[in-house]
Amino acid sequence: MFFRKIDESCALTQGMAERLGADVPGTVSLDPVTEAAIYRTAVLQCAACKEHKACKKLQAESVKLDAAPRLLPQLVAD
């Protein structure tokens, strides 16, 4: 159950990053240790969120987003 939740959260985090225009692999390659820690935090925050169903629906309906709804603030911060 735990690993299924982490796997789902990783996919949702990646999907949200793509819709926000964040290049997660490119970002991680710039400073792997720091950026991996930020990504890990985002995935764990997603795992703790109780809105996975709403997030899946939002991602299914949206190819691009201008802002994250409480998700991935670290990846889209200037």
PDB file of N, CA and C in Angstrom:
ATOM      1  N   MET A   1       0.831  -1.194   0.000  1.00  0.00           N
ATOM      2  CA  MET A   1       0.000   0.000   0.000  1.00  0.00           C
ATOM      3  C   MET A   1       0.873   1.253   0.000  1.00  0.00           C
ATOM      4  N   PHE A   2       1.879   1.311   0.864  1.00  0.00           N
ATOM      5  CA  PHE A   2       2.745   2.488   0.961  1.00  0.00           C
ATOM      6  C   PHE A   2       3.453   2.756  -0.364  1.00  0.00           C
ATOM      7  N   PHE A   3       4.040   1.711  -0.956  1.00  0.00           N
ATOM      8  CA  PHE A   3       4.783   1.904  -2.203  1.00  0.00           C
ATOM      9  C   PHE A   3       3.853   2.267  -3.357  1.00  0.00           C
ATOM     10  N   ARG A   4       2.635   1.766  -3.334  1.00  0.00           N
ATOM     11  CA  ARG A   4       1.649   2.127  -4.353  1.00  0.00           C
ATOM     12  C   ARG A   4       1.326   3.619  -4.250  1.00  0.00           C
ATOM     13  N   LYS A   5       1.183   4.109  -3.025  1.00  0.00           N
ATOM     14  CA  LYS A   5       0.891   5.534  -2.789  1.00  0.00           C
ATOM     15  C   LYS A   5       2.068   6.397  -3.247  1.00  0.00           C
ATOM     16  N   ILE A   6       3.295   5.985  -2.957  1.00  0.00           N
ATOM     17  CA  ILE A   6       4.482   6.733  -3.393  1.00  0.00           C
ATOM     18  C   ILE A   6       4.583   6.725  -4.911  1.00  0.00           C
ATOM     19  N   ASP A   7       4.323   5.579  -5.533  1.00  0.00           N
ATOM     20  CA  ASP A   7       4.367   5.477  -6.986  1.00  0.00           C
ATOM     21  C   ASP A   7       3.334   6.406  -7.620  1.00  0.00           C
ATOM     22  N   GLU A   8       2.124   6.389  -7.101  1.00  0.00           N
ATOM     23  CA  GLU A   8       1.068   7.263  -7.604  1.00  0.00           C
ATOM     24  C   GLU A   8       1.451   8.733  -7.402  1.00  0.00           C
ATOM     25  N   SER A   9       2.005   9.049  -6.252  1.00  0.00           N
ATOM     26  CA  SER A   9       2.403  10.422  -5.947  1.00  0.00           C
ATOM     27  C   SER A   9       3.530  10.890  -6.850  1.00  0.00           C
ATOM     28  N   CYS A  10       4.444  10.006  -7.163  1.00  0.00           N
ATOM     29  CA  CYS A  10       5.534  10.352  -8.075  1.00  0.00           C
ATOM     30  C   CYS A  10       4.970  10.684  -9.459  1.00  0.00           C
ATOM     31  N   ALA A  11       4.033   9.874  -9.926  1.00  0.00           N
ATOM     32  CA  ALA A  11       3.411  10.120 -11.232  1.00  0.00           C
ATOM     33  C   ALA A  11       2.619  11.423 -11.230  1.00  0.00           C
ATOM     34  N   LEU A  12       1.879  11.695 -10.164  1.00  0.00           N
ATOM     35  CA  LEU A  12       1.117  12.943 -10.084  1.00  0.00           C
ATOM     36  C   LEU A  12       2.044  14.157 -10.004  1.00  0.00           C
ATOM     37  N   THR A  13       3.112  14.044  -9.255  1.00  0.00           N
ATOM     38  CA  THR A  13       4.070  15.141  -9.143  1.00  0.00           C
ATOM     39  C   THR A  13       4.709  15.417 -10.493  1.00  0.00           C
ATOM     40  N   GLN A  14       5.120  14.371 -11.186  1.00  0.00           N
ATOM     41  CA  GLN A  14       5.722  14.532 -12.513  1.00  0.00           C
ATOM     42  C   GLN A  14       4.717  15.125 -13.492  1.00  0.00           C
ATOM     43  N   GLY A  15       3.479  14.640 -13.452  1.00  0.00           N
ATOM     44  CA  GLY A  15       2.439  15.157 -14.331  1.00  0.00           C
ATOM     45  C   GLY A  15       2.162  16.623 -14.084  1.00  0.00           C
ATOM     46  N   MET A  16       2.130  17.012 -12.819  1.00  0.00           N
ATOM     47  CA  MET A  16       1.896  18.424 -12.489  1.00  0.00           C
ATOM     48  C   MET A  16       3.074  19.269 -12.953  1.00  0.00           C
ATOM     49  N   ALA A  17       4.276  18.777 -12.756  1.00  0.00           N
ATOM     50  CA  ALA A  17       5.468  19.516 -13.199  1.00  0.00           C
ATOM     51  C   ALA A  17       5.424  19.745 -14.707  1.00  0.00           C
ATOM     52  N   GLU A  18       5.048  18.718 -15.457  1.00  0.00           N
ATOM     53  CA  GLU A  18       4.954  18.846 -16.914  1.00  0.00           C
ATOM     54  C   GLU A  18       3.925  19.898 -17.307  1.00  0.00           C
ATOM     55  N   ARG A  19       2.778  19.907 -16.634  1.00  0.00           N
ATOM     56  CA  ARG A  19       1.730  20.863 -16.960  1.00  0.00           C
ATOM     57  C   ARG A  19       2.117  22.294 -16.591  1.00  0.00           C
ATOM     58  N   LEU A  20       3.016  22.425 -15.639  1.00  0.00           N
ATOM     59  CA  LEU A  20       3.485  23.749 -15.218  1.00  0.00           C
ATOM     60  C   LEU A  20       4.715  24.197 -15.995  1.00  0.00           C
ATOM     61  N   GLY A  21       5.213  23.330 -16.855  1.00  0.00           N
ATOM     62  CA  GLY A  21       6.377  23.673 -17.665  1.00  0.00           C
ATOM     63  C   GLY A  21       7.704  23.502 -16.955  1.00  0.00           C
ATOM     64  N   ALA A  22       7.712  22.775 -15.839  1.00  0.00           N
ATOM     65  CA  ALA A  22       8.959  22.525 -15.106  1.00  0.00           C
ATOM     66  C   ALA A  22       9.677  21.330 -15.714  1.00  0.00           C
ATOM     67  N   ASP A  23      10.944  21.491 -15.984  1.00  0.00           N
ATOM     68  CA  ASP A  23      11.768  20.413 -16.541  1.00  0.00           C
ATOM     69  C   ASP A  23      12.476  19.720 -15.388  1.00  0.00           C
ATOM     70  N   VAL A  24      11.808  18.754 -14.774  1.00  0.00           N
ATOM     71  CA  VAL A  24      12.366  18.097 -13.586  1.00  0.00           C
ATOM     72  C   VAL A  24      13.695  17.411 -13.881  1.00  0.00           C
ATOM     73  N   PRO A  25      13.820  16.592 -14.928  1.00  0.00           N
ATOM     74  CA  PRO A  25      15.133  15.980 -15.179  1.00  0.00           C
ATOM     75  C   PRO A  25      16.225  17.029 -15.429  1.00  0.00           C
ATOM     76  N   GLY A  26      15.905  18.084 -16.155  1.00  0.00           N
ATOM     77  CA  GLY A  26      16.882  19.145 -16.408  1.00  0.00           C
ATOM     78  C   GLY A  26      17.256  19.881 -15.145  1.00  0.00           C
ATOM     79  N   THR A  27      16.284  20.109 -14.283  1.00  0.00           N
ATOM     80  CA  THR A  27      16.531  20.803 -13.023  1.00  0.00           C
ATOM     81  C   THR A  27      17.423  19.965 -12.130  1.00  0.00           C
ATOM     82  N   VAL A  28      17.135  18.676 -12.044  1.00  0.00           N
ATOM     83  CA  VAL A  28      17.908  17.791 -11.174  1.00  0.00           C
ATOM     84  C   VAL A  28      19.356  17.687 -11.648  1.00  0.00           C
ATOM     85  N   SER A  29      19.578  17.767 -12.951  1.00  0.00           N
ATOM     86  CA  SER A  29      20.945  17.627 -13.445  1.00  0.00           C
ATOM     87  C   SER A  29      21.815  18.843 -13.130  1.00  0.00           C
ATOM     88  N   LEU A  30      21.204  19.999 -12.828  1.00  0.00           N
ATOM     89  CA  LEU A  30      21.977  21.192 -12.497  1.00  0.00           C
ATOM     90  C   LEU A  30      22.631  21.087 -11.121  1.00  0.00           C
ATOM     91  N   ASP A  31      21.890  20.610 -10.147  1.00  0.00           N
ATOM     92  CA  ASP A  31      22.384  20.434  -8.776  1.00  0.00           C
ATOM     93  C   ASP A  31      21.699  19.195  -8.211  1.00  0.00           C
ATOM     94  N   PRO A  32      22.198  18.013  -8.555  1.00  0.00           N
ATOM     95  CA  PRO A  32      21.501  16.763  -8.249  1.00  0.00           C
ATOM     96  C   PRO A  32      21.106  16.568  -6.787  1.00  0.00           C
ATOM     97  N   VAL A  33      21.979  16.879  -5.874  1.00  0.00           N
ATOM     98  CA  VAL A  33      21.688  16.615  -4.462  1.00  0.00           C
ATOM     99  C   VAL A  33      20.558  17.505  -3.959  1.00  0.00           C
ATOM    100  N   THR A  34      20.678  18.794  -4.191  1.00  0.00           N
ATOM    101  CA  THR A  34      19.661  19.736  -3.720  1.00  0.00           C
ATOM    102  C   THR A  34      18.334  19.536  -4.428  1.00  0.00           C
ATOM    103  N   GLU A  35      18.363  19.424  -5.744  1.00  0.00           N
ATOM    104  CA  GLU A  35      17.128  19.296  -6.508  1.00  0.00           C
ATOM    105  C   GLU A  35      16.431  17.961  -6.257  1.00  0.00           C
ATOM    106  N   ALA A  36      17.194  16.903  -6.055  1.00  0.00           N
ATOM    107  CA  ALA A  36      16.585  15.610  -5.732  1.00  0.00           C
ATOM    108  C   ALA A  36      15.873  15.681  -4.383  1.00  0.00           C
ATOM    109  N   ALA A  37      16.465  16.398  -3.435  1.00  0.00           N
ATOM    110  CA  ALA A  37      15.835  16.565  -2.120  1.00  0.00           C
ATOM    111  C   ALA A  37      14.533  17.360  -2.249  1.00  0.00           C
ATOM    112  N   ILE A  38      14.533  18.381  -3.096  1.00  0.00           N
ATOM    113  CA  ILE A  38      13.323  19.180  -3.316  1.00  0.00           C
ATOM    114  C   ILE A  38      12.246  18.326  -3.970  1.00  0.00           C
ATOM    115  N   TYR A  39      12.634  17.545  -4.975  1.00  0.00           N
ATOM    116  CA  TYR A  39      11.673  16.677  -5.660  1.00  0.00           C
ATOM    117  C   TYR A  39      11.115  15.624  -4.693  1.00  0.00           C
ATOM    118  N   ARG A  40      11.984  15.056  -3.877  1.00  0.00           N
ATOM    119  CA  ARG A  40      11.558  14.067  -2.878  1.00  0.00           C
ATOM    120  C   ARG A  40      10.523  14.685  -1.944  1.00  0.00           C
ATOM    121  N   THR A  41      10.771  15.911  -1.501  1.00  0.00           N
ATOM    122  CA  THR A  41       9.840  16.611  -0.619  1.00  0.00           C
ATOM    123  C   THR A  41       8.495  16.810  -1.315  1.00  0.00           C
ATOM    124  N   ALA A  42       8.528  17.207  -2.590  1.00  0.00           N
ATOM    125  CA  ALA A  42       7.285  17.405  -3.342  1.00  0.00           C
ATOM    126  C   ALA A  42       6.499  16.099  -3.446  1.00  0.00           C
ATOM    127  N   VAL A  43       7.180  14.993  -3.723  1.00  0.00           N
ATOM    128  CA  VAL A  43       6.510  13.694  -3.828  1.00  0.00           C
ATOM    129  C   VAL A  43       5.917  13.298  -2.481  1.00  0.00           C
ATOM    130  N   LEU A  44       6.648  13.514  -1.398  1.00  0.00           N
ATOM    131  CA  LEU A  44       6.130  13.164  -0.071  1.00  0.00           C
ATOM    132  C   LEU A  44       4.964  14.056   0.326  1.00  0.00           C
ATOM    133  N   GLN A  45       5.001  15.339  -0.065  1.00  0.00           N
ATOM    134  CA  GLN A  45       3.865  16.229   0.190  1.00  0.00           C
ATOM    135  C   GLN A  45       2.644  15.742  -0.585  1.00  0.00           C
ATOM    136  N   CYS A  46       2.865  15.320  -1.804  1.00  0.00           N
ATOM    137  CA  CYS A  46       1.782  14.763  -2.619  1.00  0.00           C
ATOM    138  C   CYS A  46       1.226  13.500  -1.953  1.00  0.00           C
ATOM    139  N   ALA A  47       2.103  12.652  -1.462  1.00  0.00           N
ATOM    140  CA  ALA A  47       1.663  11.411  -0.821  1.00  0.00           C
ATOM    141  C   ALA A  47       0.795  11.692   0.409  1.00  0.00           C
ATOM    142  N   ALA A  48       1.076  12.792   1.096  1.00  0.00           N
ATOM    143  CA  ALA A  48       0.306  13.147   2.284  1.00  0.00           C
ATOM    144  C   ALA A  48      -1.021  13.832   1.940  1.00  0.00           C
ATOM    145  N   CYS A  49      -1.149  14.302   0.707  1.00  0.00           N
ATOM    146  CA  CYS A  49      -2.350  15.010   0.262  1.00  0.00           C
ATOM    147  C   CYS A  49      -3.513  14.032   0.094  1.00  0.00           C
ATOM    148  N   LYS A  50      -4.691  14.485   0.429  1.00  0.00           N
ATOM    149  CA  LYS A  50      -5.880  13.649   0.317  1.00  0.00           C
ATOM    150  C   LYS A  50      -6.696  13.974  -0.938  1.00  0.00           C
ATOM    151  N   GLU A  51      -6.120  14.739  -1.856  1.00  0.00           N
ATOM    152  CA  GLU A  51      -6.833  15.182  -3.052  1.00  0.00           C
ATOM    153  C   GLU A  51      -6.349  14.504  -4.336  1.00  0.00           C
ATOM    154  N   HIS A  52      -5.876  13.283  -4.257  1.00  0.00           N
ATOM    155  CA  HIS A  52      -5.361  12.597  -5.443  1.00  0.00           C
ATOM    156  C   HIS A  52      -6.424  12.473  -6.537  1.00  0.00           C
ATOM    157  N   LYS A  53      -7.644  12.182  -6.155  1.00  0.00           N
ATOM    158  CA  LYS A  53      -8.706  12.027  -7.151  1.00  0.00           C
ATOM    159  C   LYS A  53      -8.924  13.355  -7.891  1.00  0.00           C
ATOM    160  N   ALA A  54      -8.980  14.459  -7.167  1.00  0.00           N
ATOM    161  CA  ALA A  54      -9.155  15.776  -7.787  1.00  0.00           C
ATOM    162  C   ALA A  54      -7.946  16.140  -8.644  1.00  0.00           C
ATOM    163  N   CYS A  55      -6.768  15.777  -8.195  1.00  0.00           N
ATOM    164  CA  CYS A  55      -5.539  16.065  -8.949  1.00  0.00           C
ATOM    165  C   CYS A  55      -5.524  15.280 -10.259  1.00  0.00           C
ATOM    166  N   LYS A  56      -5.908  14.021 -10.197  1.00  0.00           N
ATOM    167  CA  LYS A  56      -5.982  13.211 -11.416  1.00  0.00           C
ATOM    168  C   LYS A  56      -6.974  13.814 -12.400  1.00  0.00           C
ATOM    169  N   LYS A  57      -8.114  14.273 -11.888  1.00  0.00           N
ATOM    170  CA  LYS A  57      -9.133  14.885 -12.737  1.00  0.00           C
ATOM    171  C   LYS A  57      -8.597  16.167 -13.365  1.00  0.00           C
ATOM    172  N   LEU A  58      -7.956  17.003 -12.557  1.00  0.00           N
ATOM    173  CA  LEU A  58      -7.378  18.251 -13.066  1.00  0.00           C
ATOM    174  C   LEU A  58      -6.360  17.963 -14.160  1.00  0.00           C
ATOM    175  N   GLN A  59      -5.498  16.985 -13.936  1.00  0.00           N
ATOM    176  CA  GLN A  59      -4.470  16.654 -14.927  1.00  0.00           C
ATOM    177  C   GLN A  59      -5.086  16.050 -16.185  1.00  0.00           C
ATOM    178  N   ALA A  60      -6.161  15.292 -16.044  1.00  0.00           N
ATOM    179  CA  ALA A  60      -6.827  14.704 -17.205  1.00  0.00           C
ATOM    180  C   ALA A  60      -7.486  15.783 -18.071  1.00  0.00           C
ATOM    181  N   GLU A  61      -7.905  16.856 -17.436  1.00  0.00           N
ATOM    182  CA  GLU A  61      -8.601  17.935 -18.140  1.00  0.00           C
ATOM    183  C   GLU A  61      -7.675  19.054 -18.604  1.00  0.00           C
ATOM    184  N   SER A  62      -6.430  19.067 -18.154  1.00  0.00           N
ATOM    185  CA  SER A  62      -5.532  20.194 -18.424  1.00  0.00           C
ATOM    186  C   SER A  62      -4.211  19.726 -19.004  1.00  0.00           C
ATOM    187  N   VAL A  63      -3.866  20.267 -20.153  1.00  0.00           N
ATOM    188  CA  VAL A  63      -2.571  19.972 -20.762  1.00  0.00           C
ATOM    189  C   VAL A  63      -1.519  20.932 -20.196  1.00  0.00           C
ATOM    190  N   LYS A  64      -1.951  22.152 -19.859  1.00  0.00           N
ATOM    191  CA  LYS A  64      -1.044  23.173 -19.329  1.00  0.00           C
ATOM    192  C   LYS A  64      -1.755  23.909 -18.200  1.00  0.00           C
ATOM    193  N   LEU A  65      -0.996  24.262 -17.194  1.00  0.00           N
ATOM    194  CA  LEU A  65      -1.519  25.045 -16.075  1.00  0.00           C
ATOM    195  C   LEU A  65      -0.630  26.264 -15.859  1.00  0.00           C
ATOM    196  N   ASP A  66      -1.233  27.360 -15.439  1.00  0.00           N
ATOM    197  CA  ASP A  66      -0.471  28.572 -15.145  1.00  0.00           C
ATOM    198  C   ASP A  66       0.075  28.582 -13.722  1.00  0.00           C
ATOM    199  N   ALA A  67      -0.608  27.872 -12.829  1.00  0.00           N
ATOM    200  CA  ALA A  67      -0.190  27.838 -11.428  1.00  0.00           C
ATOM    201  C   ALA A  67      -0.559  26.487 -10.824  1.00  0.00           C
ATOM    202  N   ALA A  68       0.218  26.091  -9.850  1.00  0.00           N
ATOM    203  CA  ALA A  68      -0.039  24.825  -9.162  1.00  0.00           C
ATOM    204  C   ALA A  68      -1.027  25.042  -8.018  1.00  0.00           C
ATOM    205  N   PRO A  69      -2.033  24.188  -7.913  1.00  0.00           N
ATOM    206  CA  PRO A  69      -2.956  24.275  -6.781  1.00  0.00           C
ATOM    207  C   PRO A  69      -2.353  23.625  -5.538  1.00  0.00           C
ATOM    208  N   ARG A  70      -1.515  24.370  -4.834  1.00  0.00           N
ATOM    209  CA  ARG A  70      -0.824  23.913  -3.614  1.00  0.00           C
ATOM    210  C   ARG A  70       0.172  22.796  -3.878  1.00  0.00           C
ATOM    211  N   LEU A  71       0.515  22.527  -5.112  1.00  0.00           N
ATOM    212  CA  LEU A  71       1.424  21.433  -5.425  1.00  0.00           C
ATOM    213  C   LEU A  71       2.677  21.964  -6.084  1.00  0.00           C
ATOM    214  N   LEU A  72       3.784  21.356  -5.805  1.00  0.00           N
ATOM    215  CA  LEU A  72       5.068  21.678  -6.423  1.00  0.00           C
ATOM    216  C   LEU A  72       5.527  23.115  -6.279  1.00  0.00           C
ATOM    217  N   PRO A  73       5.311  23.754  -5.173  1.00  0.00           N
ATOM    218  CA  PRO A  73       5.749  25.145  -5.082  1.00  0.00           C
ATOM    219  C   PRO A  73       7.254  25.297  -5.243  1.00  0.00           C
ATOM    220  N   GLN A  74       8.033  24.308  -4.809  1.00  0.00           N
ATOM    221  CA  GLN A  74       9.480  24.410  -4.923  1.00  0.00           C
ATOM    222  C   GLN A  74       9.941  24.330  -6.372  1.00  0.00           C
ATOM    223  N   LEU A  75       9.255  23.549  -7.196  1.00  0.00           N
ATOM    224  CA  LEU A  75       9.703  23.351  -8.567  1.00  0.00           C
ATOM    225  C   LEU A  75       9.344  24.515  -9.469  1.00  0.00           C
ATOM    226  N   VAL A  76       8.387  25.327  -9.078  1.00  0.00           N
ATOM    227  CA  VAL A  76       7.977  26.431  -9.930  1.00  0.00           C
ATOM    228  C   VAL A  76       8.364  27.786  -9.358  1.00  0.00           C
ATOM    229  N   ALA A  77       9.015  27.796  -8.203  1.00  0.00           N
ATOM    230  CA  ALA A  77       9.459  29.058  -7.618  1.00  0.00           C
ATOM    231  C   ALA A  77      10.555  29.667  -8.462  1.00  0.00           C
ATOM    232  N   ASP A  78      10.543  30.973  -8.579  1.00  0.00           N
ATOM    233  CA  ASP A  78      11.571  31.663  -9.375  1.00  0.00           C
ATOM    234  C   ASP A  78      12.878  31.702  -8.620  1.00  0.00           C
TER     235      ASP A  78
END
